[in-house]
C-alpha atoms as a PDB file:
ATOM      1  CA  MET A   1      87.331  89.617  -5.214  1.00  0.00           C
ATOM      2  CA  PRO A   2      84.645  92.211  -4.434  1.00  0.00           C
ATOM      3  CA  GLU A   3      83.374  92.232  -0.893  1.00  0.00           C
ATOM      4  CA  GLN A   4      79.860  90.881  -0.499  1.00  0.00           C
ATOM      5  CA  LYS A   5      77.425  93.128   1.335  1.00  0.00           C
ATOM      6  CA  ILE A   6      74.062  92.622   2.959  1.00  0.00           C
ATOM      7  CA  ILE A   7      71.206  94.550   1.388  1.00  0.00           C
ATOM      8  CA  LEU A   8      69.111  96.522   3.843  1.00  0.00           C
ATOM      9  CA  PHE A   9      65.922  94.628   4.639  1.00  0.00           C
ATOM     10  CA  GLU A  10      63.772  97.490   3.348  1.00  0.00           C
ATOM     11  CA  ASN A  11      65.574  97.374  -0.024  1.00  0.00           C
ATOM     12  CA  LEU A  12      65.209  93.638  -0.638  1.00  0.00           C
ATOM     13  CA  THR A  13      62.929  92.734  -3.523  1.00  0.00           C
ATOM     14  CA  PRO A  14      60.357  89.951  -3.091  1.00  0.00           C
ATOM     15  CA  ASP A  15      62.479  87.734  -5.376  1.00  0.00           C
ATOM     16  CA  GLN A  16      65.571  88.328  -3.254  1.00  0.00           C
ATOM     17  CA  LYS A  17      63.639  87.469  -0.097  1.00  0.00           C
ATOM     18  CA  ILE A  18      62.361  84.254  -1.672  1.00  0.00           C
ATOM     19  CA  LYS A  19      65.874  83.196  -2.711  1.00  0.00           C
ATOM     20  CA  ILE A  20      67.192  83.841   0.792  1.00  0.00           C
ATOM     21  CA  ALA A  21      64.226  82.056   2.404  1.00  0.00           C
ATOM     22  CA  ILE A  22      64.820  78.992   0.238  1.00  0.00           C
ATOM     23  CA  ARG A  23      68.471  78.958   1.321  1.00  0.00           C
ATOM     24  CA  MET A  24      67.418  78.832   4.977  1.00  0.00           C
ATOM     25  CA  GLY A  25      64.682  76.220   4.654  1.00  0.00           C
ATOM     26  CA  SER A  26      65.733  74.013   7.571  1.00  0.00           C
ATOM     27  CA  ALA A  27      66.850  74.954  11.065  1.00  0.00           C
ATOM     28  CA  GLU A  28      70.385  73.877  10.180  1.00  0.00           C
ATOM     29  CA  LYS A  29      70.440  75.982   7.020  1.00  0.00           C
ATOM     30  CA  PHE A  30      69.120  79.011   8.934  1.00  0.00           C
ATOM     31  CA  TYR A  31      71.878  78.493  11.485  1.00  0.00           C
ATOM     32  CA  LEU A  32      74.587  78.247   8.815  1.00  0.00           C
ATOM     33  CA  LEU A  33      73.327  81.293   6.905  1.00  0.00           C
ATOM     34  CA  TYR A  34      73.182  83.244  10.158  1.00  0.00           C
ATOM     35  CA  PHE A  35      76.813  82.482  11.000  1.00  0.00           C
ATOM     36  CA  GLU A  36      77.985  82.925   7.426  1.00  0.00           C
ATOM     37  CA  ASN A  37      76.733  86.535   7.475  1.00  0.00           C
ATOM     38  CA  LEU A  38      77.039  87.470  11.148  1.00  0.00           C
ATOM     39  CA  HIS A  39      80.073  89.672  10.508  1.00  0.00           C
ATOM     40  CA  PHE A  40      77.895  92.057   8.440  1.00  0.00           C
ATOM     41  CA  PHE A  41      75.765  92.963  11.470  1.00  0.00           C
ATOM     42  CA  ARG A  42      76.377  94.967  14.633  1.00  0.00           C
ATOM     43  CA  SER A  43      75.074  92.188  16.882  1.00  0.00           C
ATOM     44  CA  GLN A  44      73.939  88.586  16.891  1.00  0.00           C
ATOM     45  CA  LYS A  45      70.397  89.669  17.589  1.00  0.00           C
ATOM     46  CA  GLU A  46      70.357  92.098  14.652  1.00  0.00           C
ATOM     47  CA  CYS A  47      71.479  89.302  12.316  1.00  0.00           C
ATOM     48  CA  PHE A  48      68.849  86.951  13.726  1.00  0.00           C
ATOM     49  CA  ILE A  49      66.068  89.524  13.313  1.00  0.00           C
ATOM     50  CA  TYR A  50      67.098  90.188   9.700  1.00  0.00           C
ATOM     51  CA  TYR A  51      66.792  86.539   8.666  1.00  0.00           C
ATOM     52  CA  ASN A  52      63.779  85.761  10.839  1.00  0.00           C
ATOM     53  CA  ASN A  53      61.942  88.723   9.252  1.00  0.00           C
ATOM     54  CA  ILE A  54      62.798  87.509   5.759  1.00  0.00           C
ATOM     55  CA  HIS A  55      61.332  84.131   6.684  1.00  0.00           C
ATOM     56  CA  PHE A  56      58.197  85.873   7.938  1.00  0.00           C
ATOM     57  CA  ASP A  57      57.789  87.973   4.781  1.00  0.00           C
ATOM     58  CA  VAL A  58      57.950  84.881   2.575  1.00  0.00           C
ATOM     59  CA  PHE A  59      56.129  82.254   4.666  1.00  0.00           C
ATOM     60  CA  LEU A  60      53.947  84.503   6.879  1.00  0.00           C
ATOM     61  CA  GLU A  61      55.404  82.910   9.995  1.00  0.00           C
ATOM     62  CA  PHE A  62      58.638  83.351  11.865  1.00  0.00           C
ATOM     63  CA  LYS A  63      61.213  80.573  11.758  1.00  0.00           C
ATOM     64  CA  TYR A  64      61.766  81.105  15.491  1.00  0.00           C
ATOM     65  CA  SER A  65      59.466  82.695  18.041  1.00  0.00           C
ATOM     66  CA  GLY A  66      62.328  84.857  19.248  1.00  0.00           C
ATOM     67  CA  PHE A  67      66.069  85.175  19.685  1.00  0.00           C
ATOM     68  CA  ASP A  68      65.981  83.046  22.841  1.00  0.00           C
ATOM     69  CA  SER A  69      64.330  80.223  20.903  1.00  0.00           C
ATOM     70  CA  PHE A  70      67.113  80.382  18.332  1.00  0.00           C
ATOM     71  CA  LYS A  71      69.731  80.342  21.104  1.00  0.00           C
ATOM     72  CA  VAL A  72      68.149  77.128  22.455  1.00  0.00           C
ATOM     73  CA  TYR A  73      68.566  75.562  19.000  1.00  0.00           C
ATOM     74  CA  GLN A  74      72.214  76.694  18.944  1.00  0.00           C
ATOM     75  CA  TYR A  75      72.832  75.210  22.386  1.00  0.00           C
ATOM     76  CA  ARG A  76      71.247  71.851  21.515  1.00  0.00           C
ATOM     77  CA  ARG A  77      73.028  71.701  18.158  1.00  0.00           C
ATOM     78  CA  ASN A  78      76.415  72.394  19.717  1.00  0.00           C
ATOM     79  CA  LYS A  79      75.776  69.943  22.551  1.00  0.00           C
ATOM     80  CA  ASN A  80      74.819  67.203  20.068  1.00  0.00           C
ATOM     81  CA  ARG A  81      77.877  67.916  17.911  1.00  0.00           C
ATOM     82  CA  LYS A  82      80.077  67.665  20.982  1.00  0.00           C
ATOM     83  CA  ASN A  83      78.488  64.291  21.834  1.00  0.00           C
ATOM     84  CA  GLY A  84      78.821  63.035  18.248  1.00  0.00           C
ATOM     85  CA  LYS A  85      75.061  63.003  17.609  1.00  0.00           C
ATOM     86  CA  PHE A  86      75.018  65.555  14.824  1.00  0.00           C
END
């Protein structure tokens, strides 16, 4: 099976960005896509910026205001899962 690779942000076509943005439509889907591809990036923040910028290019607004905002979502999601609320 060939190894999947992440295309550099600058090399993504508008169609590719749209397809990725559709895949991460909800906060949960963004979260899952982030973790699914985290191993392709040097850091968590670099992965976050990549996907948040794709969201911005397609929808003209960021999914999250910043990495800290995304970390708050992660914390709440994991806390709710632990408590059986997710």
